[in-house]
Amino acid sequence: MADLDFDTFLKTDIRVGRVLRAEPYPEARNPSIKLWVDFGAEIGEKKTAAQITAHYTPEELVGRMVVGVINFPSRQIGKFMSEFLVLGVPDADGGIVLLAPDQDVPVGGRMH
């Protein structure tokens, strides 16, 4: 991977939000869950679809804090328009584990 300069990194808007709603997305090419996330008064609600079914069900995601990149262009995922990229890392088997703060923080907080 190429090195990234600090000014370019600062252009990436990474924020914390709280999952308001989650639904299965069986129509997706790979098993996925649709998420609606509150990023606070400044950003509002954004939606995304994520391949996170290895570790999460829609029911247990509601109320959970997540971290996402909110300034990527929207992307069509099947019939669903994804408005941000939720962040996670793969476990040893390739299942995605979501990134989240380890303490409660205000929604909309920007990563520093």
PDB file of N, CA and C in Angstrom:
ATOM      1  N   MET A   1       0.830  -1.193   0.000  1.00  0.00           N
ATOM      2  CA  MET A   1       0.000   0.000   0.000  1.00  0.00           C
ATOM      3  C   MET A   1       0.869   1.248   0.000  1.00  0.00           C
ATOM      4  N   ALA A   2       0.391   2.250  -0.674  1.00  0.00           N
ATOM      5  CA  ALA A   2       1.100   3.522  -0.719  1.00  0.00           C
ATOM      6  C   ALA A   2       0.919   4.282   0.590  1.00  0.00           C
ATOM      7  N   ASP A   3       1.935   5.064   0.946  1.00  0.00           N
ATOM      8  CA  ASP A   3       1.824   5.916   2.130  1.00  0.00           C
ATOM      9  C   ASP A   3       0.747   6.972   1.909  1.00  0.00           C
ATOM     10  N   LEU A   4       0.120   7.388   2.985  1.00  0.00           N
ATOM     11  CA  LEU A   4      -0.942   8.382   2.948  1.00  0.00           C
ATOM     12  C   LEU A   4      -0.459   9.603   3.725  1.00  0.00           C
ATOM     13  N   ASP A   5      -0.545  10.784   3.122  1.00  0.00           N
ATOM     14  CA  ASP A   5      -0.117  11.960   3.873  1.00  0.00           C
ATOM     15  C   ASP A   5      -1.229  12.392   4.830  1.00  0.00           C
ATOM     16  N   PHE A   6      -0.852  13.114   5.854  1.00  0.00           N
ATOM     17  CA  PHE A   6      -1.777  13.480   6.928  1.00  0.00           C
ATOM     18  C   PHE A   6      -2.943  14.331   6.431  1.00  0.00           C
ATOM     19  N   ASP A   7      -2.703  15.245   5.523  1.00  0.00           N
ATOM     20  CA  ASP A   7      -3.782  16.091   5.000  1.00  0.00           C
ATOM     21  C   ASP A   7      -4.845  15.260   4.291  1.00  0.00           C
ATOM     22  N   THR A   8      -4.426  14.224   3.574  1.00  0.00           N
ATOM     23  CA  THR A   8      -5.383  13.337   2.914  1.00  0.00           C
ATOM     24  C   THR A   8      -6.176  12.563   3.957  1.00  0.00           C
ATOM     25  N   PHE A   9      -5.508  12.074   4.992  1.00  0.00           N
ATOM     26  CA  PHE A   9      -6.194  11.360   6.063  1.00  0.00           C
ATOM     27  C   PHE A   9      -7.266  12.235   6.710  1.00  0.00           C
ATOM     28  N   LEU A  10      -6.971  13.506   6.923  1.00  0.00           N
ATOM     29  CA  LEU A  10      -7.924  14.408   7.569  1.00  0.00           C
ATOM     30  C   LEU A  10      -9.197  14.602   6.753  1.00  0.00           C
ATOM     31  N   LYS A  11      -9.151  14.313   5.470  1.00  0.00           N
ATOM     32  CA  LYS A  11     -10.334  14.423   4.624  1.00  0.00           C
ATOM     33  C   LYS A  11     -11.320  13.281   4.849  1.00  0.00           C
ATOM     34  N   THR A  12     -10.876  12.211   5.492  1.00  0.00           N
ATOM     35  CA  THR A  12     -11.747  11.072   5.763  1.00  0.00           C
ATOM     36  C   THR A  12     -12.555  11.374   7.021  1.00  0.00           C
ATOM     37  N   ASP A  13     -13.869  11.458   6.874  1.00  0.00           N
ATOM     38  CA  ASP A  13     -14.755  11.811   7.981  1.00  0.00           C
ATOM     39  C   ASP A  13     -15.281  10.522   8.627  1.00  0.00           C
ATOM     40  N   ILE A  14     -14.655  10.133   9.731  1.00  0.00           N
ATOM     41  CA  ILE A  14     -15.010   8.912  10.450  1.00  0.00           C
ATOM     42  C   ILE A  14     -15.727   9.318  11.727  1.00  0.00           C
ATOM     43  N   ARG A  15     -16.950   8.836  11.873  1.00  0.00           N
ATOM     44  CA  ARG A  15     -17.804   9.236  13.003  1.00  0.00           C
ATOM     45  C   ARG A  15     -18.396   8.031  13.705  1.00  0.00           C
ATOM     46  N   VAL A  16     -18.824   8.264  14.937  1.00  0.00           N
ATOM     47  CA  VAL A  16     -19.525   7.233  15.698  1.00  0.00           C
ATOM     48  C   VAL A  16     -21.027   7.498  15.611  1.00  0.00           C
ATOM     49  N   GLY A  17     -21.778   6.422  15.506  1.00  0.00           N
ATOM     50  CA  GLY A  17     -23.231   6.533  15.454  1.00  0.00           C
ATOM     51  C   GLY A  17     -23.881   5.396  16.214  1.00  0.00           C
ATOM     52  N   ARG A  18     -25.191   5.502  16.384  1.00  0.00           N
ATOM     53  CA  ARG A  18     -25.951   4.465  17.085  1.00  0.00           C
ATOM     54  C   ARG A  18     -26.966   3.858  16.122  1.00  0.00           C
ATOM     55  N   VAL A  19     -26.990   2.532  16.075  1.00  0.00           N
ATOM     56  CA  VAL A  19     -27.904   1.825  15.188  1.00  0.00           C
ATOM     57  C   VAL A  19     -29.337   2.031  15.672  1.00  0.00           C
ATOM     58  N   LEU A  20     -30.164   2.594  14.802  1.00  0.00           N
ATOM     59  CA  LEU A  20     -31.579   2.823  15.104  1.00  0.00           C
ATOM     60  C   LEU A  20     -32.440   1.649  14.673  1.00  0.00           C
ATOM     61  N   ARG A  21     -32.064   1.049  13.547  1.00  0.00           N
ATOM     62  CA  ARG A  21     -32.855  -0.025  12.949  1.00  0.00           C
ATOM     63  C   ARG A  21     -31.918  -0.944  12.180  1.00  0.00           C
ATOM     64  N   ALA A  22     -32.241  -2.231  12.149  1.00  0.00           N
ATOM     65  CA  ALA A  22     -31.459  -3.206  11.388  1.00  0.00           C
ATOM     66  C   ALA A  22     -32.401  -4.261  10.840  1.00  0.00           C
ATOM     67  N   GLU A  23     -32.157  -4.656   9.588  1.00  0.00           N
ATOM     68  CA  GLU A  23     -33.008  -5.656   8.934  1.00  0.00           C
ATOM     69  C   GLU A  23     -32.143  -6.609   8.128  1.00  0.00           C
ATOM     70  N   PRO A  24     -32.562  -7.863   8.031  1.00  0.00           N
ATOM     71  CA  PRO A  24     -31.848  -8.775   7.136  1.00  0.00           C
ATOM     72  C   PRO A  24     -31.924  -8.249   5.703  1.00  0.00           C
ATOM     73  N   TYR A  25     -30.925  -8.586   4.906  1.00  0.00           N
ATOM     74  CA  TYR A  25     -30.915  -8.198   3.503  1.00  0.00           C
ATOM     75  C   TYR A  25     -30.669  -9.451   2.662  1.00  0.00           C
ATOM     76  N   PRO A  26     -31.686 -10.315   2.576  1.00  0.00           N
ATOM     77  CA  PRO A  26     -31.510 -11.594   1.877  1.00  0.00           C
ATOM     78  C   PRO A  26     -31.301 -11.439   0.371  1.00  0.00           C
ATOM     79  N   GLU A  27     -31.689 -10.314  -0.218  1.00  0.00           N
ATOM     80  CA  GLU A  27     -31.529 -10.107  -1.650  1.00  0.00           C
ATOM     81  C   GLU A  27     -30.081  -9.788  -2.046  1.00  0.00           C
ATOM     82  N   ALA A  28     -29.238  -9.464  -1.080  1.00  0.00           N
ATOM     83  CA  ALA A  28     -27.843  -9.130  -1.371  1.00  0.00           C
ATOM     84  C   ALA A  28     -27.106 -10.356  -1.908  1.00  0.00           C
ATOM     85  N   ARG A  29     -26.100 -10.115  -2.701  1.00  0.00           N
ATOM     86  CA  ARG A  29     -25.293 -11.198  -3.280  1.00  0.00           C
ATOM     87  C   ARG A  29     -24.665 -12.054  -2.175  1.00  0.00           C
ATOM     88  N   ASN A  30     -24.158 -11.420  -1.129  1.00  0.00           N
ATOM     89  CA  ASN A  30     -23.604 -12.114   0.037  1.00  0.00           C
ATOM     90  C   ASN A  30     -24.475 -11.775   1.236  1.00  0.00           C
ATOM     91  N   PRO A  31     -24.623 -12.700   2.188  1.00  0.00           N
ATOM     92  CA  PRO A  31     -25.475 -12.419   3.350  1.00  0.00           C
ATOM     93  C   PRO A  31     -25.106 -11.082   3.997  1.00  0.00           C
ATOM     94  N   SER A  32     -26.102 -10.230   4.172  1.00  0.00           N
ATOM     95  CA  SER A  32     -25.864  -8.879   4.682  1.00  0.00           C
ATOM     96  C   SER A  32     -26.992  -8.443   5.594  1.00  0.00           C
ATOM     97  N   ILE A  33     -26.734  -7.333   6.280  1.00  0.00           N
ATOM     98  CA  ILE A  33     -27.729  -6.691   7.146  1.00  0.00           C
ATOM     99  C   ILE A  33     -27.795  -5.217   6.760  1.00  0.00           C
ATOM    100  N   LYS A  34     -29.017  -4.697   6.621  1.00  0.00           N
ATOM    101  CA  LYS A  34     -29.216  -3.270   6.379  1.00  0.00           C
ATOM    102  C   LYS A  34     -29.252  -2.560   7.734  1.00  0.00           C
ATOM    103  N   LEU A  35     -28.534  -1.448   7.821  1.00  0.00           N
ATOM    104  CA  LEU A  35     -28.463  -0.657   9.056  1.00  0.00           C
ATOM    105  C   LEU A  35     -28.886   0.779   8.793  1.00  0.00           C
ATOM    106  N   TRP A  36     -29.647   1.339   9.722  1.00  0.00           N
ATOM    107  CA  TRP A  36     -29.962   2.769   9.749  1.00  0.00           C
ATOM    108  C   TRP A  36     -29.326   3.309  11.022  1.00  0.00           C
ATOM    109  N   VAL A  37     -28.429   4.282  10.869  1.00  0.00           N
ATOM    110  CA  VAL A  37     -27.595   4.733  11.985  1.00  0.00           C
ATOM    111  C   VAL A  37     -27.761   6.238  12.194  1.00  0.00           C
ATOM    112  N   ASP A  38     -27.925   6.626  13.458  1.00  0.00           N
ATOM    113  CA  ASP A  38     -28.014   8.033  13.847  1.00  0.00           C
ATOM    114  C   ASP A  38     -26.607   8.557  14.097  1.00  0.00           C
ATOM    115  N   PHE A  39     -26.185   9.561  13.307  1.00  0.00           N
ATOM    116  CA  PHE A  39     -24.888  10.196  13.485  1.00  0.00           C
ATOM    117  C   PHE A  39     -25.016  11.579  14.126  1.00  0.00           C
ATOM    118  N   GLY A  40     -26.104  11.833  14.824  1.00  0.00           N
ATOM    119  CA  GLY A  40     -26.262  13.080  15.549  1.00  0.00           C
ATOM    120  C   GLY A  40     -26.900  14.177  14.718  1.00  0.00           C
ATOM    121  N   ALA A  41     -27.157  15.309  15.372  1.00  0.00           N
ATOM    122  CA  ALA A  41     -27.898  16.412  14.759  1.00  0.00           C
ATOM    123  C   ALA A  41     -27.199  16.984  13.529  1.00  0.00           C
ATOM    124  N   GLU A  42     -25.877  17.053  13.539  1.00  0.00           N
ATOM    125  CA  GLU A  42     -25.139  17.652  12.425  1.00  0.00           C
ATOM    126  C   GLU A  42     -25.235  16.804  11.149  1.00  0.00           C
ATOM    127  N   ILE A  43     -25.168  15.483  11.284  1.00  0.00           N
ATOM    128  CA  ILE A  43     -25.137  14.559  10.136  1.00  0.00           C
ATOM    129  C   ILE A  43     -26.512  13.954   9.880  1.00  0.00           C
ATOM    130  N   GLY A  44     -27.189  13.555  10.936  1.00  0.00           N
ATOM    131  CA  GLY A  44     -28.492  12.905  10.804  1.00  0.00           C
ATOM    132  C   GLY A  44     -28.372  11.404  10.634  1.00  0.00           C
ATOM    133  N   GLU A  45     -29.420  10.816  10.085  1.00  0.00           N
ATOM    134  CA  GLU A  45     -29.490   9.368   9.899  1.00  0.00           C
ATOM    135  C   GLU A  45     -28.951   8.988   8.524  1.00  0.00           C
ATOM    136  N   LYS A  46     -28.140   7.929   8.500  1.00  0.00           N
ATOM    137  CA  LYS A  46     -27.617   7.374   7.246  1.00  0.00           C
ATOM    138  C   LYS A  46     -27.830   5.872   7.269  1.00  0.00           C
ATOM    139  N   LYS A  47     -27.883   5.276   6.065  1.00  0.00           N
ATOM    140  CA  LYS A  47     -28.123   3.834   5.977  1.00  0.00           C
ATOM    141  C   LYS A  47     -26.995   3.165   5.205  1.00  0.00           C
ATOM    142  N   THR A  48     -26.810   1.876   5.486  1.00  0.00           N
ATOM    143  CA  THR A  48     -25.803   1.088   4.799  1.00  0.00           C
ATOM    144  C   THR A  48     -26.204  -0.373   4.828  1.00  0.00           C
ATOM    145  N   ALA A  49     -25.555  -1.169   4.006  1.00  0.00           N
ATOM    146  CA  ALA A  49     -25.691  -2.621   4.044  1.00  0.00           C
ATOM    147  C   ALA A  49     -24.299  -3.187   4.288  1.00  0.00           C
ATOM    148  N   ALA A  50     -24.211  -4.174   5.180  1.00  0.00           N
ATOM    149  CA  ALA A  50     -22.905  -4.704   5.555  1.00  0.00           C
ATOM    150  C   ALA A  50     -22.947  -6.222   5.677  1.00  0.00           C
ATOM    151  N   GLN A  51     -21.859  -6.853   5.287  1.00  0.00           N
ATOM    152  CA  GLN A  51     -21.719  -8.302   5.391  1.00  0.00           C
ATOM    153  C   GLN A  51     -21.205  -8.659   6.783  1.00  0.00           C
ATOM    154  N   ILE A  52     -22.097  -8.552   7.759  1.00  0.00           N
ATOM    155  CA  ILE A  52     -21.712  -8.743   9.168  1.00  0.00           C
ATOM    156  C   ILE A  52     -22.507  -9.863   9.830  1.00  0.00           C
ATOM    157  N   THR A  53     -23.052 -10.778   9.026  1.00  0.00           N
ATOM    158  CA  THR A  53     -23.945 -11.807   9.567  1.00  0.00           C
ATOM    159  C   THR A  53     -23.223 -12.910  10.339  1.00  0.00           C
ATOM    160  N   ALA A  54     -21.906 -13.010  10.231  1.00  0.00           N
ATOM    161  CA  ALA A  54     -21.172 -14.056  10.954  1.00  0.00           C
ATOM    162  C   ALA A  54     -21.252 -13.858  12.471  1.00  0.00           C
ATOM    163  N   HIS A  55     -21.329 -12.614  12.909  1.00  0.00           N
ATOM    164  CA  HIS A  55     -21.300 -12.329  14.352  1.00  0.00           C
ATOM    165  C   HIS A  55     -22.513 -11.576  14.884  1.00  0.00           C
ATOM    166  N   TYR A  56     -23.393 -11.108  13.994  1.00  0.00           N
ATOM    167  CA  TYR A  56     -24.478 -10.236  14.439  1.00  0.00           C
ATOM    168  C   TYR A  56     -25.807 -10.639  13.820  1.00  0.00           C
ATOM    169  N   THR A  57     -26.872 -10.404  14.597  1.00  0.00           N
ATOM    170  CA  THR A  57     -28.232 -10.501  14.069  1.00  0.00           C
ATOM    171  C   THR A  57     -28.804  -9.083  14.064  1.00  0.00           C
ATOM    172  N   PRO A  58     -29.790  -8.825  13.235  1.00  0.00           N
ATOM    173  CA  PRO A  58     -30.374  -7.480  13.237  1.00  0.00           C
ATOM    174  C   PRO A  58     -30.859  -7.051  14.618  1.00  0.00           C
ATOM    175  N   GLU A  59     -31.470  -7.956  15.347  1.00  0.00           N
ATOM    176  CA  GLU A  59     -32.039  -7.606  16.663  1.00  0.00           C
ATOM    177  C   GLU A  59     -30.975  -7.129  17.648  1.00  0.00           C
ATOM    178  N   GLU A  60     -29.815  -7.763  17.653  1.00  0.00           N
ATOM    179  CA  GLU A  60     -28.797  -7.369  18.630  1.00  0.00           C
ATOM    180  C   GLU A  60     -28.009  -6.127  18.222  1.00  0.00           C
ATOM    181  N   LEU A  61     -28.176  -5.672  16.989  1.00  0.00           N
ATOM    182  CA  LEU A  61     -27.473  -4.478  16.529  1.00  0.00           C
ATOM    183  C   LEU A  61     -28.175  -3.186  16.932  1.00  0.00           C
ATOM    184  N   VAL A  62     -29.471  -3.227  17.120  1.00  0.00           N
ATOM    185  CA  VAL A  62     -30.223  -2.021  17.470  1.00  0.00           C
ATOM    186  C   VAL A  62     -29.730  -1.493  18.823  1.00  0.00           C
ATOM    187  N   GLY A  63     -29.359  -0.208  18.830  1.00  0.00           N
ATOM    188  CA  GLY A  63     -28.842   0.429  20.040  1.00  0.00           C
ATOM    189  C   GLY A  63     -27.330   0.393  20.149  1.00  0.00           C
ATOM    190  N   ARG A  64     -26.685  -0.396  19.336  1.00  0.00           N
ATOM    191  CA  ARG A  64     -25.233  -0.555  19.379  1.00  0.00           C
ATOM    192  C   ARG A  64     -24.536   0.643  18.737  1.00  0.00           C
ATOM    193  N   MET A  65     -23.392   1.025  19.281  1.00  0.00           N
ATOM    194  CA  MET A  65     -22.556   2.065  18.699  1.00  0.00           C
ATOM    195  C   MET A  65     -21.700   1.429  17.603  1.00  0.00           C
ATOM    196  N   VAL A  66     -21.554   2.147  16.475  1.00  0.00           N
ATOM    197  CA  VAL A  66     -20.700   1.703  15.375  1.00  0.00           C
ATOM    198  C   VAL A  66     -19.875   2.887  14.891  1.00  0.00           C
ATOM    199  N   VAL A  67     -18.849   2.591  14.114  1.00  0.00           N
ATOM    200  CA  VAL A  67     -17.985   3.614  13.547  1.00  0.00           C
ATOM    201  C   VAL A  67     -18.084   3.506  12.032  1.00  0.00           C
ATOM    202  N   GLY A  68     -18.204   4.659  11.363  1.00  0.00           N
ATOM    203  CA  GLY A  68     -18.331   4.626   9.913  1.00  0.00           C
ATOM    204  C   GLY A  68     -17.700   5.814   9.231  1.00  0.00           C
ATOM    205  N   VAL A  69     -17.353   5.610   7.964  1.00  0.00           N
ATOM    206  CA  VAL A  69     -16.879   6.690   7.091  1.00  0.00           C
ATOM    207  C   VAL A  69     -18.121   7.279   6.444  1.00  0.00           C
ATOM    208  N   ILE A  70     -18.376   8.560   6.713  1.00  0.00           N
ATOM    209  CA  ILE A  70     -19.635   9.144   6.252  1.00  0.00           C
ATOM    210  C   ILE A  70     -19.493  10.027   5.017  1.00  0.00           C
ATOM    211  N   ASN A  71     -18.267  10.241   4.542  1.00  0.00           N
ATOM    212  CA  ASN A  71     -18.125  11.126   3.383  1.00  0.00           C
ATOM    213  C   ASN A  71     -17.682  10.408   2.111  1.00  0.00           C
ATOM    214  N   PHE A  72     -17.953   9.109   2.013  1.00  0.00           N
ATOM    215  CA  PHE A  72     -17.826   8.416   0.734  1.00  0.00           C
ATOM    216  C   PHE A  72     -19.077   8.687  -0.078  1.00  0.00           C
ATOM    217  N   PRO A  73     -18.986   8.630  -1.400  1.00  0.00           N
ATOM    218  CA  PRO A  73     -20.206   8.761  -2.203  1.00  0.00           C
ATOM    219  C   PRO A  73     -21.143   7.578  -1.941  1.00  0.00           C
ATOM    220  N   SER A  74     -22.442   7.811  -2.067  1.00  0.00           N
ATOM    221  CA  SER A  74     -23.410   6.728  -1.917  1.00  0.00           C
ATOM    222  C   SER A  74     -23.134   5.664  -2.963  1.00  0.00           C
ATOM    223  N   ARG A  75     -23.496   4.404  -2.609  1.00  0.00           N
ATOM    224  CA  ARG A  75     -23.218   3.284  -3.498  1.00  0.00           C
ATOM    225  C   ARG A  75     -24.415   2.352  -3.526  1.00  0.00           C
ATOM    226  N   GLN A  76     -24.819   1.985  -4.718  1.00  0.00           N
ATOM    227  CA  GLN A  76     -25.945   1.064  -4.884  1.00  0.00           C
ATOM    228  C   GLN A  76     -25.477  -0.357  -4.568  1.00  0.00           C
ATOM    229  N   ILE A  77     -26.149  -1.013  -3.620  1.00  0.00           N
ATOM    230  CA  ILE A  77     -25.873  -2.410  -3.280  1.00  0.00           C
ATOM    231  C   ILE A  77     -27.159  -3.170  -3.538  1.00  0.00           C
ATOM    232  N   GLY A  78     -27.246  -3.783  -4.699  1.00  0.00           N
ATOM    233  CA  GLY A  78     -28.498  -4.407  -5.109  1.00  0.00           C
ATOM    234  C   GLY A  78     -29.549  -3.325  -5.279  1.00  0.00           C
ATOM    235  N   LYS A  79     -30.680  -3.496  -4.614  1.00  0.00           N
ATOM    236  CA  LYS A  79     -31.754  -2.491  -4.681  1.00  0.00           C
ATOM    237  C   LYS A  79     -31.669  -1.477  -3.548  1.00  0.00           C
ATOM    238  N   PHE A  80     -30.602  -1.498  -2.793  1.00  0.00           N
ATOM    239  CA  PHE A  80     -30.454  -0.666  -1.595  1.00  0.00           C
ATOM    240  C   PHE A  80     -29.315   0.333  -1.807  1.00  0.00           C
ATOM    241  N   MET A  81     -29.562   1.608  -1.469  1.00  0.00           N
ATOM    242  CA  MET A  81     -28.543   2.646  -1.598  1.00  0.00           C
ATOM    243  C   MET A  81     -27.802   2.796  -0.269  1.00  0.00           C
ATOM    244  N   SER A  82     -26.515   2.488  -0.272  1.00  0.00           N
ATOM    245  CA  SER A  82     -25.677   2.605   0.918  1.00  0.00           C
ATOM    246  C   SER A  82     -25.098   4.010   0.972  1.00  0.00           C
ATOM    247  N   GLU A  83     -25.243   4.679   2.130  1.00  0.00           N
ATOM    248  CA  GLU A  83     -24.835   6.080   2.269  1.00  0.00           C
ATOM    249  C   GLU A  83     -23.562   6.286   3.089  1.00  0.00           C
ATOM    250  N   PHE A  84     -23.059   5.221   3.725  1.00  0.00           N
ATOM    251  CA  PHE A  84     -21.803   5.320   4.458  1.00  0.00           C
ATOM    252  C   PHE A  84     -21.179   3.932   4.539  1.00  0.00           C
ATOM    253  N   LEU A  85     -19.923   3.871   4.976  1.00  0.00           N
ATOM    254  CA  LEU A  85     -19.218   2.605   5.117  1.00  0.00           C
ATOM    255  C   LEU A  85     -19.022   2.319   6.594  1.00  0.00           C
ATOM    256  N   VAL A  86     -19.687   1.285   7.097  1.00  0.00           N
ATOM    257  CA  VAL A  86     -19.482   0.876   8.481  1.00  0.00           C
ATOM    258  C   VAL A  86     -18.141   0.140   8.545  1.00  0.00           C
ATOM    259  N   LEU A  87     -17.377   0.377   9.617  1.00  0.00           N
ATOM    260  CA  LEU A  87     -16.025  -0.159   9.706  1.00  0.00           C
ATOM    261  C   LEU A  87     -15.957  -1.397  10.589  1.00  0.00           C
ATOM    262  N   GLY A  88     -15.168  -2.360  10.146  1.00  0.00           N
ATOM    263  CA  GLY A  88     -14.950  -3.589  10.894  1.00  0.00           C
ATOM    264  C   GLY A  88     -13.666  -4.245  10.427  1.00  0.00           C
ATOM    265  N   VAL A  89     -13.263  -5.281  11.138  1.00  0.00           N
ATOM    266  CA  VAL A  89     -12.076  -6.053  10.780  1.00  0.00           C
ATOM    267  C   VAL A  89     -12.437  -7.535  10.782  1.00  0.00           C
ATOM    268  N   PRO A  90     -11.775  -8.323   9.925  1.00  0.00           N
ATOM    269  CA  PRO A  90     -12.101  -9.746   9.892  1.00  0.00           C
ATOM    270  C   PRO A  90     -11.483 -10.503  11.061  1.00  0.00           C
ATOM    271  N   ASP A  91     -12.238 -11.501  11.545  1.00  0.00           N
ATOM    272  CA  ASP A  91     -11.682 -12.404  12.546  1.00  0.00           C
ATOM    273  C   ASP A  91     -10.845 -13.468  11.827  1.00  0.00           C
ATOM    274  N   ALA A  92     -10.365 -14.471  12.543  1.00  0.00           N
ATOM    275  CA  ALA A  92      -9.505 -15.504  11.956  1.00  0.00           C
ATOM    276  C   ALA A  92     -10.196 -16.273  10.836  1.00  0.00           C
ATOM    277  N   ASP A  93     -11.535 -16.325  10.856  1.00  0.00           N
ATOM    278  CA  ASP A  93     -12.287 -17.052   9.837  1.00  0.00           C
ATOM    279  C   ASP A  93     -12.850 -16.142   8.740  1.00  0.00           C
ATOM    280  N   GLY A  94     -12.555 -14.843   8.805  1.00  0.00           N
ATOM    281  CA  GLY A  94     -13.023 -13.904   7.797  1.00  0.00           C
ATOM    282  C   GLY A  94     -14.336 -13.218   8.129  1.00  0.00           C
ATOM    283  N   GLY A  95     -14.975 -13.574   9.252  1.00  0.00           N
ATOM    284  CA  GLY A  95     -16.203 -12.894   9.678  1.00  0.00           C
ATOM    285  C   GLY A  95     -15.887 -11.497  10.179  1.00  0.00           C
ATOM    286  N   ILE A  96     -16.693 -10.528   9.801  1.00  0.00           N
ATOM    287  CA  ILE A  96     -16.415  -9.134  10.161  1.00  0.00           C
ATOM    288  C   ILE A  96     -16.865  -8.823  11.585  1.00  0.00           C
ATOM    289  N   VAL A  97     -15.958  -8.201  12.345  1.00  0.00           N
ATOM    290  CA  VAL A  97     -16.223  -7.723  13.698  1.00  0.00           C
ATOM    291  C   VAL A  97     -16.243  -6.198  13.623  1.00  0.00           C
ATOM    292  N   LEU A  98     -17.344  -5.606  14.048  1.00  0.00           N
ATOM    293  CA  LEU A  98     -17.510  -4.158  13.955  1.00  0.00           C
ATOM    294  C   LEU A  98     -16.577  -3.407  14.890  1.00  0.00           C
ATOM    295  N   LEU A  99     -16.100  -2.258  14.427  1.00  0.00           N
ATOM    296  CA  LEU A  99     -15.338  -1.349  15.282  1.00  0.00           C
ATOM    297  C   LEU A  99     -16.324  -0.473  16.044  1.00  0.00           C
ATOM    298  N   ALA A 100     -16.018  -0.206  17.301  1.00  0.00           N
ATOM    299  CA  ALA A 100     -16.894   0.619  18.136  1.00  0.00           C
ATOM    300  C   ALA A 100     -16.079   1.170  19.300  1.00  0.00           C
ATOM    301  N   PRO A 101     -16.486   2.318  19.845  1.00  0.00           N
ATOM    302  CA  PRO A 101     -15.794   2.834  21.031  1.00  0.00           C
ATOM    303  C   PRO A 101     -16.018   1.895  22.210  1.00  0.00           C
ATOM    304  N   ASP A 102     -15.049   1.841  23.123  1.00  0.00           N
ATOM    305  CA  ASP A 102     -15.198   0.957  24.283  1.00  0.00           C
ATOM    306  C   ASP A 102     -15.880   1.654  25.465  1.00  0.00           C
ATOM    307  N   GLN A 103     -16.287   2.910  25.253  1.00  0.00           N
ATOM    308  CA  GLN A 103     -17.068   3.645  26.245  1.00  0.00           C
ATOM    309  C   GLN A 103     -18.165   4.393  25.505  1.00  0.00           C
ATOM    310  N   ASP A 104     -19.208   4.775  26.235  1.00  0.00           N
ATOM    311  CA  ASP A 104     -20.299   5.516  25.612  1.00  0.00           C
ATOM    312  C   ASP A 104     -19.810   6.925  25.292  1.00  0.00           C
ATOM    313  N   VAL A 105     -20.022   7.338  24.042  1.00  0.00           N
ATOM    314  CA  VAL A 105     -19.639   8.671  23.587  1.00  0.00           C
ATOM    315  C   VAL A 105     -20.818   9.264  22.836  1.00  0.00           C
ATOM    316  N   PRO A 106     -20.866  10.594  22.683  1.00  0.00           N
ATOM    317  CA  PRO A 106     -21.975  11.196  21.952  1.00  0.00           C
ATOM    318  C   PRO A 106     -21.979  10.765  20.489  1.00  0.00           C
ATOM    319  N   VAL A 107     -23.172  10.507  19.948  1.00  0.00           N
ATOM    320  CA  VAL A 107     -23.278  10.172  18.521  1.00  0.00           C
ATOM    321  C   VAL A 107     -22.829  11.363  17.696  1.00  0.00           C
ATOM    322  N   GLY A 108     -22.206  11.071  16.571  1.00  0.00           N
ATOM    323  CA  GLY A 108     -21.702  12.121  15.697  1.00  0.00           C
ATOM    324  C   GLY A 108     -20.270  12.513  15.995  1.00  0.00           C
ATOM    325  N   GLY A 109     -19.708  11.994  17.088  1.00  0.00           N
ATOM    326  CA  GLY A 109     -18.317  12.337  17.411  1.00  0.00           C
ATOM    327  C   GLY A 109     -17.380  11.908  16.299  1.00  0.00           C
ATOM    328  N   ARG A 110     -16.463  12.807  15.939  1.00  0.00           N
ATOM    329  CA  ARG A 110     -15.519  12.522  14.856  1.00  0.00           C
ATOM    330  C   ARG A 110     -14.244  11.917  15.425  1.00  0.00           C
ATOM    331  N   MET A 111     -13.736  10.898  14.724  1.00  0.00           N
ATOM    332  CA  MET A 111     -12.492  10.275  15.136  1.00  0.00           C
ATOM    333  C   MET A 111     -11.341  11.275  15.032  1.00  0.00           C
ATOM    334  N   HIS A 112     -10.497  11.279  16.026  1.00  0.00           N
ATOM    335  CA  HIS A 112      -9.296  12.146  16.029  1.00  0.00           C
ATOM    336  C   HIS A 112      -8.068  11.291  16.000  1.00  0.00           C
TER     337      HIS A 112
END
